Structures are given as structure tokens and as C-alpha cells.
């Protein structure tokens, strides 16, 4: 539509049709933040429910040591990766752990670990790395 006030209709139509694009809709409604168990936060604390192993995706093979965690802030359950050799032995059930995102593209999983998007950083308020190497002792709860 041409004319002196043609831009008004073009502008209104463009605004209306933008809602059909999933990227625009998700961004404006904040759906990524609502869907995220950490609710947009970089880290969260939780209680360990169980230790478990996750098989790697093809073509890699091996068992990845993980823990199932119930978040304190909202009660949601997530699976978090326990990095480094022997670190899983430093974590027991009912320990309080601090988890952070793994840093995968757009908040996704890393490499050959399917569906695991978080790493364990601290156990009972002490760095997991220091407990693993024996520099500090984990406080008993």
C-alpha cells in the first residue's frame, strides 16, 4: 500500500507478524529464563539425591560420573556432572553442592554427555577440587 500514510499499516503489520517467529516470541516472553531450572541464575545450591553414571553418546564410550540434585530454590531436580578423576568419591548422598552451567553453546550440554548441562563446583561449602586433592576436608553434615 503506497501513499502518504502507508508506513503506518506496514509498521503495524510487521509488529503483528513478528509474533509468528519463534525466536522473537521466546525472547520477548522470556521463555528461556522460565524454562531454565536455575531461573536465569549462573549458579545454584542443591541437595544430592543419588550418584549415577551416564553413558556417553556415540562414537565415544565410557561412563560419566554424575549426581542427581534437588535445587533448594525451587525443588526442581537436575543431573550435574562431577569433573575430574575420583571426585565422585568426595560426594555422598544428602551433601549440599553448588552447581554452575557447563558452558555449552546456548546453555546446552557439552561434548558427548547427553542432557547434562551443569557441573558440581563445591561440596558442603568447600571447593570440590580441594577436597579431591586432599588440601581440605569436607565438613560433615
Protein backbone atom coordinates (compact mmCIF):
# COMPACT_ATOMS: atom_id res chain seq x y z
CA UNK A 1 0.00 0.00 0.00
CA UNK A 2 1.54 3.27 -1.11
CA UNK A 3 0.54 6.74 -0.10
CA UNK A 4 1.19 9.45 2.43
CA UNK A 5 0.28 7.28 5.47
CA UNK A 6 1.25 3.88 4.01
CA UNK A 7 4.03 3.35 6.52
CA UNK A 8 1.53 3.17 9.36
CA UNK A 9 -0.05 -0.04 8.06
CA UNK A 10 3.34 -1.56 7.16
CA UNK A 11 4.65 -0.86 10.63
CA UNK A 12 1.54 -2.30 12.34
CA UNK A 13 1.61 -5.44 10.16
CA UNK A 14 5.31 -6.00 10.81
CA UNK A 15 4.71 -5.78 14.59
CA UNK A 16 1.85 -8.30 14.32
CA UNK A 17 3.70 -10.80 12.11
CA UNK A 18 6.79 -10.77 14.33
CA UNK A 19 4.83 -12.86 16.84
CA UNK A 20 4.81 -15.75 14.37
CA UNK A 21 8.59 -16.05 14.61
CA UNK A 22 9.54 -18.44 17.45
CA UNK A 23 12.81 -16.61 18.16
CA UNK A 24 11.01 -13.29 18.70
CA UNK A 25 8.22 -14.82 20.79
CA UNK A 26 10.63 -16.74 23.07
CA UNK A 27 12.84 -13.70 23.57
CA UNK A 28 10.03 -11.24 24.36
CA UNK A 29 8.10 -13.58 26.66
CA UNK A 30 11.32 -14.67 28.41
CA UNK A 31 10.59 -18.37 27.86
CA UNK A 32 14.24 -19.45 28.10
CA UNK A 33 14.52 -17.99 31.61
CA UNK A 34 11.21 -19.54 32.67
CA UNK A 35 12.21 -22.98 31.36
CA UNK A 36 15.69 -22.88 32.96
CA UNK A 37 15.81 -24.77 36.30
CA UNK A 38 18.28 -22.18 37.64
CA UNK A 39 15.80 -19.44 36.61
CA UNK A 40 18.47 -17.36 34.87
CA UNK A 41 20.98 -17.52 37.75
CA UNK A 42 24.60 -18.53 36.99
CA UNK A 43 24.82 -20.91 39.99
CA UNK A 44 22.52 -22.68 42.44
CA UNK A 45 22.73 -24.86 45.54
CA UNK A 46 21.08 -28.22 45.90
CA UNK A 47 20.99 -31.45 47.86
CA UNK A 48 22.44 -34.66 46.35
CA UNK A 49 19.73 -37.28 45.93
CA UNK A 50 21.80 -40.04 44.31
CA UNK A 51 25.01 -40.76 42.44
CA UNK A 52 24.61 -42.13 38.94
CA UNK A 53 26.57 -42.89 35.79
CA UNK A 54 25.60 -41.63 32.34
CA UNK A 55 26.75 -43.35 29.17
CA UNK A 56 28.48 -41.19 26.58
CA UNK A 57 26.99 -40.57 23.15
CA UNK A 58 28.38 -42.34 20.08
CA UNK A 59 31.13 -42.63 18.93
CA UNK A 60 32.69 -42.11 22.41
CA UNK A 61 32.32 -44.79 25.05
CA UNK A 62 32.66 -44.59 28.79
CA UNK A 63 30.71 -43.90 31.95
CA UNK A 64 30.37 -40.29 33.09
CA UNK A 65 30.04 -39.81 36.85
CA UNK A 66 27.11 -37.57 37.73
CA UNK A 67 24.87 -36.71 40.67
CA UNK A 68 21.13 -36.11 40.78
CA UNK A 69 20.46 -32.85 42.64
CA UNK A 70 17.29 -31.27 44.05
CA UNK A 71 17.64 -27.48 43.89
CA UNK A 72 16.96 -25.64 47.15
CA UNK A 73 15.47 -22.54 45.50
CA UNK A 74 12.61 -24.26 43.65
CA UNK A 75 12.70 -28.03 44.29
CA UNK A 76 13.48 -28.94 40.67
CA UNK A 77 15.69 -31.96 40.02
CA UNK A 78 18.66 -31.86 37.65
CA UNK A 79 21.65 -34.04 36.79
CA UNK A 80 25.07 -32.44 37.33
CA UNK A 81 28.46 -33.66 36.10
CA UNK A 82 31.21 -34.32 38.66
CA UNK A 83 34.51 -33.30 36.99
CA UNK A 84 37.93 -34.99 37.40
CA UNK A 85 39.04 -38.48 38.36
CA UNK A 86 37.93 -39.73 41.77
CA UNK A 87 35.89 -36.61 42.60
CA UNK A 88 32.68 -38.67 42.85
CA UNK A 89 34.15 -40.37 45.94
CA UNK A 90 34.19 -37.00 47.75
CA UNK A 91 30.41 -36.61 47.38
CA UNK A 92 27.86 -38.50 49.45
CA UNK A 93 24.06 -38.51 49.41
CA UNK A 94 22.45 -35.57 51.25
CA UNK A 95 25.55 -33.38 50.75
CA UNK A 96 24.90 -29.78 49.80
CA UNK A 97 26.51 -28.93 46.45
CA UNK A 98 26.95 -25.76 44.42
CA UNK A 99 26.39 -26.20 40.70
CA UNK A 100 27.08 -23.93 37.72
CA UNK A 101 26.49 -24.16 33.98
CA UNK A 102 28.92 -26.28 31.96
CA UNK A 103 29.36 -23.52 29.39
CA UNK A 104 27.92 -25.38 26.40
CA UNK A 105 26.65 -23.42 23.41
CA UNK A 106 23.46 -21.53 24.36
CA UNK A 107 23.34 -23.25 27.74
CA UNK A 108 23.31 -26.74 26.24
CA UNK A 109 25.21 -29.91 27.16
CA UNK A 110 28.93 -30.30 26.47
CA UNK A 111 30.52 -32.83 24.12
CA UNK A 112 29.43 -36.43 24.49
CA UNK A 113 27.48 -36.06 27.76
CA UNK A 114 23.79 -36.16 26.78
CA UNK A 115 21.43 -33.83 28.63
CA UNK A 116 23.84 -32.84 31.42
CA UNK A 117 24.28 -29.06 31.40
CA UNK A 118 25.71 -28.38 34.88
CA UNK A 119 28.94 -29.04 36.83
CA UNK A 120 29.47 -29.51 40.56
CA UNK A 121 31.82 -26.83 41.98
CA UNK A 122 31.58 -27.09 45.78
CA UNK A 123 30.59 -29.73 48.32
CA UNK A 124 29.29 -28.56 51.73
CA UNK A 125 30.78 -25.11 51.04
CA UNK A 126 34.30 -26.37 50.20
CA UNK A 127 35.81 -26.45 46.71
CA UNK A 128 35.44 -29.92 45.16
CA UNK A 129 38.97 -29.67 43.74
CA UNK A 130 40.49 -29.03 47.19
CA UNK A 131 38.56 -31.93 48.73
CA UNK A 132 39.59 -34.20 45.85
CA UNK A 133 43.31 -33.39 46.13
CA UNK A 134 43.23 -33.65 49.95
CA UNK A 135 44.09 -30.00 50.67
CA UNK A 136 40.88 -29.51 52.67
CA UNK A 137 38.47 -31.80 54.45
CA UNK A 138 34.79 -31.79 53.62
CA UNK A 139 32.70 -30.69 56.64
CA UNK A 140 30.42 -33.50 57.82
CA UNK A 141 26.76 -32.52 57.97
